Amino acid sequence: MEKAKRWVDDMLDLYLAAKRLGDDTWAESIMNTLEAGYEASKQTEQAREESMREKRMLEIDARLTELRKEFEQATSVKTRQQLYEVAIKLQVERAQLEEERKHHRDSINQS
């Protein structure tokens, strides 16, 4: 993150230098480079978030599979109830992640 901040600071210094020199073409080129860097950074962050969402969904799926097995083997009503409650919470979390993923894809399609 520090490297990206330094890059932006350096580009802004160059932009200011170009403006002081009256070189509007150079200043515009620097601004275009900054905008492209911002877009690339934003896409990288979105990809990272999507990857984290996918990983969490896989973890939830694996845990739900474990819970089903535990539920089948449980002998007491209390244990089954506890497993059921955990499963419901995980299913709600998974549904929220699915909604986030859908929202993200919709926003990409609208771009």
N, C-alpha and C. Protein backbone atom coordinates (compact mmCIF):
# COMPACT_ATOMS: atom_id res chain seq x y z
N MET A 1 0.82 -1.18 0.00
CA MET A 1 0.00 0.00 0.00
C MET A 1 0.87 1.25 0.00
N GLU A 2 1.94 1.23 0.75
CA GLU A 2 2.85 2.38 0.83
C GLU A 2 3.44 2.68 -0.56
N LYS A 3 3.75 1.64 -1.31
CA LYS A 3 4.32 1.82 -2.64
C LYS A 3 3.32 2.54 -3.56
N ALA A 4 2.06 2.16 -3.47
CA ALA A 4 1.02 2.79 -4.29
C ALA A 4 0.86 4.26 -3.90
N LYS A 5 0.90 4.54 -2.62
CA LYS A 5 0.77 5.92 -2.15
C LYS A 5 1.94 6.77 -2.66
N ARG A 6 3.14 6.22 -2.60
CA ARG A 6 4.32 6.96 -3.10
C ARG A 6 4.17 7.22 -4.60
N TRP A 7 3.68 6.22 -5.34
CA TRP A 7 3.50 6.38 -6.78
C TRP A 7 2.53 7.53 -7.07
N VAL A 8 1.40 7.56 -6.36
CA VAL A 8 0.42 8.62 -6.55
C VAL A 8 1.04 9.97 -6.19
N ASP A 9 1.75 10.05 -5.07
CA ASP A 9 2.40 11.30 -4.67
C ASP A 9 3.38 11.77 -5.74
N ASP A 10 4.18 10.85 -6.27
CA ASP A 10 5.15 11.20 -7.32
C ASP A 10 4.44 11.70 -8.58
N MET A 11 3.35 11.02 -8.94
CA MET A 11 2.62 11.43 -10.14
C MET A 11 1.99 12.81 -9.94
N LEU A 12 1.48 13.07 -8.74
CA LEU A 12 0.91 14.39 -8.47
C LEU A 12 1.99 15.47 -8.49
N ASP A 13 3.18 15.16 -8.00
CA ASP A 13 4.29 16.11 -8.07
C ASP A 13 4.63 16.41 -9.52
N LEU A 14 4.65 15.37 -10.36
CA LEU A 14 4.91 15.58 -11.79
C LEU A 14 3.81 16.41 -12.43
N TYR A 15 2.58 16.14 -12.04
CA TYR A 15 1.45 16.91 -12.58
C TYR A 15 1.59 18.40 -12.24
N LEU A 16 1.91 18.66 -10.98
CA LEU A 16 2.09 20.06 -10.58
C LEU A 16 3.25 20.71 -11.32
N ALA A 17 4.32 19.95 -11.52
CA ALA A 17 5.47 20.48 -12.28
C ALA A 17 5.05 20.80 -13.70
N ALA A 18 4.29 19.92 -14.32
CA ALA A 18 3.83 20.14 -15.69
C ALA A 18 2.95 21.39 -15.76
N LYS A 19 2.08 21.57 -14.77
CA LYS A 19 1.21 22.74 -14.75
C LYS A 19 2.02 24.02 -14.57
N ARG A 20 3.03 23.96 -13.68
CA ARG A 20 3.87 25.15 -13.46
C ARG A 20 4.64 25.52 -14.73
N LEU A 21 5.03 24.50 -15.49
CA LEU A 21 5.75 24.74 -16.74
C LEU A 21 4.82 25.13 -17.87
N GLY A 22 3.52 24.99 -17.64
CA GLY A 22 2.55 25.33 -18.68
C GLY A 22 2.41 24.26 -19.74
N ASP A 23 2.86 23.06 -19.44
CA ASP A 23 2.80 21.95 -20.41
C ASP A 23 1.50 21.16 -20.17
N ASP A 24 0.42 21.64 -20.78
CA ASP A 24 -0.89 21.02 -20.57
C ASP A 24 -0.96 19.61 -21.14
N THR A 25 -0.26 19.35 -22.20
CA THR A 25 -0.25 18.00 -22.80
C THR A 25 0.36 17.00 -21.82
N TRP A 26 1.48 17.38 -21.22
CA TRP A 26 2.14 16.51 -20.24
C TRP A 26 1.24 16.33 -19.01
N ALA A 27 0.65 17.43 -18.55
CA ALA A 27 -0.23 17.36 -17.38
C ALA A 27 -1.42 16.43 -17.66
N GLU A 28 -1.98 16.54 -18.85
CA GLU A 28 -3.11 15.66 -19.20
C GLU A 28 -2.67 14.19 -19.27
N SER A 29 -1.49 13.97 -19.81
CA SER A 29 -0.95 12.61 -19.87
C SER A 29 -0.76 12.02 -18.47
N ILE A 30 -0.26 12.83 -17.56
CA ILE A 30 -0.07 12.38 -16.17
C ILE A 30 -1.42 12.07 -15.53
N MET A 31 -2.40 12.94 -15.76
CA MET A 31 -3.73 12.72 -15.19
C MET A 31 -4.35 11.44 -15.75
N ASN A 32 -4.16 11.19 -17.04
CA ASN A 32 -4.68 9.96 -17.64
C ASN A 32 -4.01 8.73 -17.02
N THR A 33 -2.72 8.83 -16.75
CA THR A 33 -1.99 7.73 -16.11
C THR A 33 -2.51 7.50 -14.70
N LEU A 34 -2.76 8.58 -13.97
CA LEU A 34 -3.32 8.46 -12.62
C LEU A 34 -4.70 7.79 -12.65
N GLU A 35 -5.54 8.21 -13.59
CA GLU A 35 -6.88 7.62 -13.69
C GLU A 35 -6.80 6.14 -14.04
N ALA A 36 -5.90 5.79 -14.95
CA ALA A 36 -5.74 4.38 -15.32
C ALA A 36 -5.24 3.56 -14.12
N GLY A 37 -4.32 4.14 -13.36
CA GLY A 37 -3.81 3.46 -12.17
C GLY A 37 -4.90 3.27 -11.14
N TYR A 38 -5.76 4.27 -10.99
CA TYR A 38 -6.88 4.16 -10.06
C TYR A 38 -7.83 3.05 -10.47
N GLU A 39 -8.16 3.00 -11.76
CA GLU A 39 -9.07 1.96 -12.26
C GLU A 39 -8.47 0.57 -12.06
N ALA A 40 -7.18 0.44 -12.35
CA ALA A 40 -6.52 -0.86 -12.16
C ALA A 40 -6.53 -1.26 -10.69
N SER A 41 -6.30 -0.30 -9.82
CA SER A 41 -6.31 -0.56 -8.38
C SER A 41 -7.70 -0.98 -7.92
N LYS A 42 -8.70 -0.30 -8.43
CA LYS A 42 -10.09 -0.61 -8.07
C LYS A 42 -10.45 -2.02 -8.54
N GLN A 43 -10.05 -2.38 -9.74
CA GLN A 43 -10.33 -3.72 -10.26
C GLN A 43 -9.62 -4.80 -9.44
N THR A 44 -8.38 -4.51 -9.05
CA THR A 44 -7.64 -5.46 -8.23
C THR A 44 -8.32 -5.66 -6.88
N GLU A 45 -8.79 -4.59 -6.28
CA GLU A 45 -9.49 -4.67 -5.00
C GLU A 45 -10.80 -5.45 -5.14
N GLN A 46 -11.53 -5.21 -6.22
CA GLN A 46 -12.78 -5.93 -6.45
C GLN A 46 -12.51 -7.42 -6.65
N ALA A 47 -11.45 -7.76 -7.38
CA ALA A 47 -11.09 -9.15 -7.59
C ALA A 47 -10.71 -9.81 -6.27
N ARG A 48 -9.99 -9.08 -5.42
CA ARG A 48 -9.60 -9.61 -4.11
C ARG A 48 -10.84 -9.87 -3.25
N GLU A 49 -11.76 -8.92 -3.26
CA GLU A 49 -13.00 -9.09 -2.49
C GLU A 49 -13.80 -10.29 -3.00
N GLU A 50 -13.88 -10.44 -4.31
CA GLU A 50 -14.61 -11.57 -4.89
C GLU A 50 -13.94 -12.89 -4.51
N SER A 51 -12.64 -12.91 -4.53
CA SER A 51 -11.90 -14.11 -4.14
C SER A 51 -12.15 -14.47 -2.68
N MET A 52 -12.16 -13.47 -1.82
CA MET A 52 -12.44 -13.70 -0.40
C MET A 52 -13.86 -14.21 -0.19
N ARG A 53 -14.81 -13.65 -0.97
CA ARG A 53 -16.20 -14.11 -0.89
C ARG A 53 -16.31 -15.58 -1.30
N GLU A 54 -15.66 -15.91 -2.42
CA GLU A 54 -15.70 -17.29 -2.91
C GLU A 54 -15.08 -18.25 -1.91
N LYS A 55 -13.97 -17.84 -1.32
CA LYS A 55 -13.30 -18.69 -0.32
C LYS A 55 -14.21 -18.92 0.88
N ARG A 56 -14.85 -17.85 1.36
CA ARG A 56 -15.74 -17.99 2.52
C ARG A 56 -16.93 -18.88 2.18
N MET A 57 -17.46 -18.77 0.96
CA MET A 57 -18.58 -19.61 0.57
C MET A 57 -18.18 -21.09 0.55
N LEU A 58 -16.98 -21.37 0.08
CA LEU A 58 -16.49 -22.75 0.09
C LEU A 58 -16.33 -23.26 1.52
N GLU A 59 -15.83 -22.40 2.41
CA GLU A 59 -15.70 -22.77 3.82
C GLU A 59 -17.07 -23.08 4.43
N ILE A 60 -18.04 -22.25 4.11
CA ILE A 60 -19.39 -22.46 4.63
C ILE A 60 -19.96 -23.77 4.10
N ASP A 61 -19.78 -24.02 2.80
CA ASP A 61 -20.28 -25.26 2.23
C ASP A 61 -19.67 -26.48 2.91
N ALA A 62 -18.37 -26.41 3.15
CA ALA A 62 -17.69 -27.53 3.81
C ALA A 62 -18.22 -27.71 5.23
N ARG A 63 -18.41 -26.60 5.93
CA ARG A 63 -18.91 -26.69 7.32
C ARG A 63 -20.35 -27.20 7.35
N LEU A 64 -21.18 -26.79 6.38
CA LEU A 64 -22.54 -27.28 6.32
C LEU A 64 -22.57 -28.79 6.07
N THR A 65 -21.67 -29.28 5.25
CA THR A 65 -21.57 -30.72 5.02
C THR A 65 -21.20 -31.44 6.31
N GLU A 66 -20.25 -30.89 7.05
CA GLU A 66 -19.87 -31.47 8.34
C GLU A 66 -21.05 -31.47 9.31
N LEU A 67 -21.77 -30.35 9.33
CA LEU A 67 -22.91 -30.24 10.24
C LEU A 67 -24.00 -31.27 9.92
N ARG A 68 -24.23 -31.53 8.63
CA ARG A 68 -25.22 -32.53 8.24
C ARG A 68 -24.85 -33.91 8.80
N LYS A 69 -23.56 -34.24 8.66
CA LYS A 69 -23.08 -35.52 9.18
C LYS A 69 -23.23 -35.58 10.70
N GLU A 70 -22.84 -34.49 11.37
CA GLU A 70 -22.97 -34.44 12.83
C GLU A 70 -24.44 -34.55 13.25
N PHE A 71 -25.31 -33.89 12.49
CA PHE A 71 -26.73 -33.92 12.79
C PHE A 71 -27.27 -35.35 12.69
N GLU A 72 -26.87 -36.06 11.65
CA GLU A 72 -27.31 -37.44 11.46
C GLU A 72 -26.84 -38.35 12.59
N GLN A 73 -25.68 -38.06 13.14
CA GLN A 73 -25.10 -38.90 14.19
C GLN A 73 -25.51 -38.46 15.60
N ALA A 74 -26.08 -37.27 15.70
CA ALA A 74 -26.45 -36.76 17.02
C ALA A 74 -27.58 -37.60 17.62
N THR A 75 -27.47 -37.82 18.90
CA THR A 75 -28.48 -38.65 19.57
C THR A 75 -29.44 -37.84 20.43
N SER A 76 -29.02 -36.65 20.83
CA SER A 76 -29.92 -35.86 21.69
C SER A 76 -30.59 -34.74 20.90
N VAL A 77 -31.76 -34.40 21.32
CA VAL A 77 -32.53 -33.32 20.70
C VAL A 77 -31.79 -31.99 20.88
N LYS A 78 -31.20 -31.80 22.04
CA LYS A 78 -30.48 -30.55 22.32
C LYS A 78 -29.31 -30.38 21.35
N THR A 79 -28.55 -31.43 21.13
CA THR A 79 -27.41 -31.37 20.20
C THR A 79 -27.90 -31.07 18.79
N ARG A 80 -28.97 -31.74 18.38
CA ARG A 80 -29.53 -31.50 17.04
C ARG A 80 -30.00 -30.05 16.90
N GLN A 81 -30.61 -29.54 17.94
CA GLN A 81 -31.08 -28.15 17.91
C GLN A 81 -29.91 -27.18 17.77
N GLN A 82 -28.83 -27.43 18.50
CA GLN A 82 -27.64 -26.57 18.41
C GLN A 82 -27.03 -26.63 17.02
N LEU A 83 -26.93 -27.83 16.47
CA LEU A 83 -26.38 -27.98 15.11
C LEU A 83 -27.26 -27.27 14.08
N TYR A 84 -28.55 -27.39 14.26
CA TYR A 84 -29.51 -26.74 13.37
C TYR A 84 -29.34 -25.23 13.41
N GLU A 85 -29.19 -24.67 14.60
CA GLU A 85 -29.02 -23.21 14.74
C GLU A 85 -27.74 -22.73 14.07
N VAL A 86 -26.66 -23.48 14.22
CA VAL A 86 -25.40 -23.13 13.57
C VAL A 86 -25.58 -23.18 12.05
N ALA A 87 -26.26 -24.22 11.58
CA ALA A 87 -26.48 -24.37 10.14
C ALA A 87 -27.30 -23.21 9.58
N ILE A 88 -28.30 -22.80 10.31
CA ILE A 88 -29.13 -21.67 9.86
C ILE A 88 -28.30 -20.40 9.75
N LYS A 89 -27.48 -20.13 10.75
CA LYS A 89 -26.62 -18.94 10.71
C LYS A 89 -25.68 -18.98 9.51
N LEU A 90 -25.12 -20.14 9.23
CA LEU A 90 -24.22 -20.27 8.08
C LEU A 90 -24.98 -20.09 6.77
N GLN A 91 -26.19 -20.61 6.70
CA GLN A 91 -26.98 -20.45 5.48
C GLN A 91 -27.35 -18.99 5.25
N VAL A 92 -27.63 -18.27 6.32
CA VAL A 92 -27.92 -16.84 6.20
C VAL A 92 -26.68 -16.10 5.70
N GLU A 93 -25.53 -16.41 6.28
CA GLU A 93 -24.28 -15.77 5.85
C GLU A 93 -24.01 -16.07 4.37
N ARG A 94 -24.24 -17.32 3.98
CA ARG A 94 -23.99 -17.70 2.59
C ARG A 94 -24.93 -16.95 1.65
N ALA A 95 -26.19 -16.80 2.05
CA ALA A 95 -27.15 -16.05 1.24
C ALA A 95 -26.72 -14.60 1.10
N GLN A 96 -26.19 -14.02 2.17
CA GLN A 96 -25.70 -12.64 2.10
C GLN A 96 -24.52 -12.53 1.13
N LEU A 97 -23.62 -13.51 1.18
CA LEU A 97 -22.48 -13.52 0.27
C LEU A 97 -22.94 -13.66 -1.18
N GLU A 98 -23.94 -14.50 -1.40
CA GLU A 98 -24.51 -14.66 -2.75
C GLU A 98 -25.10 -13.35 -3.24
N GLU A 99 -25.79 -12.65 -2.35
CA GLU A 99 -26.38 -11.36 -2.72
C GLU A 99 -25.30 -10.34 -3.05
N GLU A 100 -24.22 -10.32 -2.27
CA GLU A 100 -23.10 -9.42 -2.56
C GLU A 100 -22.49 -9.75 -3.92
N ARG A 101 -22.33 -11.03 -4.19
CA ARG A 101 -21.75 -11.45 -5.47
C ARG A 101 -22.66 -11.03 -6.62
N LYS A 102 -23.97 -11.23 -6.46
CA LYS A 102 -24.92 -10.83 -7.50
C LYS A 102 -24.87 -9.32 -7.72
N HIS A 103 -24.84 -8.56 -6.63
CA HIS A 103 -24.77 -7.10 -6.72
C HIS A 103 -23.50 -6.68 -7.46
N HIS A 104 -22.38 -7.31 -7.12
CA HIS A 104 -21.10 -6.99 -7.76
C HIS A 104 -21.17 -7.28 -9.26
N ARG A 105 -21.70 -8.44 -9.63
CA ARG A 105 -21.80 -8.79 -11.05
C ARG A 105 -22.74 -7.86 -11.79
N ASP A 106 -23.85 -7.48 -11.15
CA ASP A 106 -24.78 -6.55 -11.78
C ASP A 106 -24.11 -5.21 -12.04
N SER A 107 -23.30 -4.75 -11.07
CA SER A 107 -22.62 -3.46 -11.24
C SER A 107 -21.60 -3.53 -12.36
N ILE A 108 -20.97 -4.68 -12.54
CA ILE A 108 -20.01 -4.84 -13.64
C ILE A 108 -20.74 -4.83 -14.97
N ASN A 109 -21.87 -5.52 -15.03
CA ASN A 109 -22.65 -5.58 -16.28
C ASN A 109 -23.22 -4.22 -16.67
N GLN A 110 -23.48 -3.37 -15.70
CA GLN A 110 -24.01 -2.04 -16.00
C GLN A 110 -22.94 -1.08 -16.46
N SER A 111 -21.67 -1.42 -16.21
CA SER A 111 -20.57 -0.53 -16.60
C SER A 111 -20.32 -0.55 -18.08
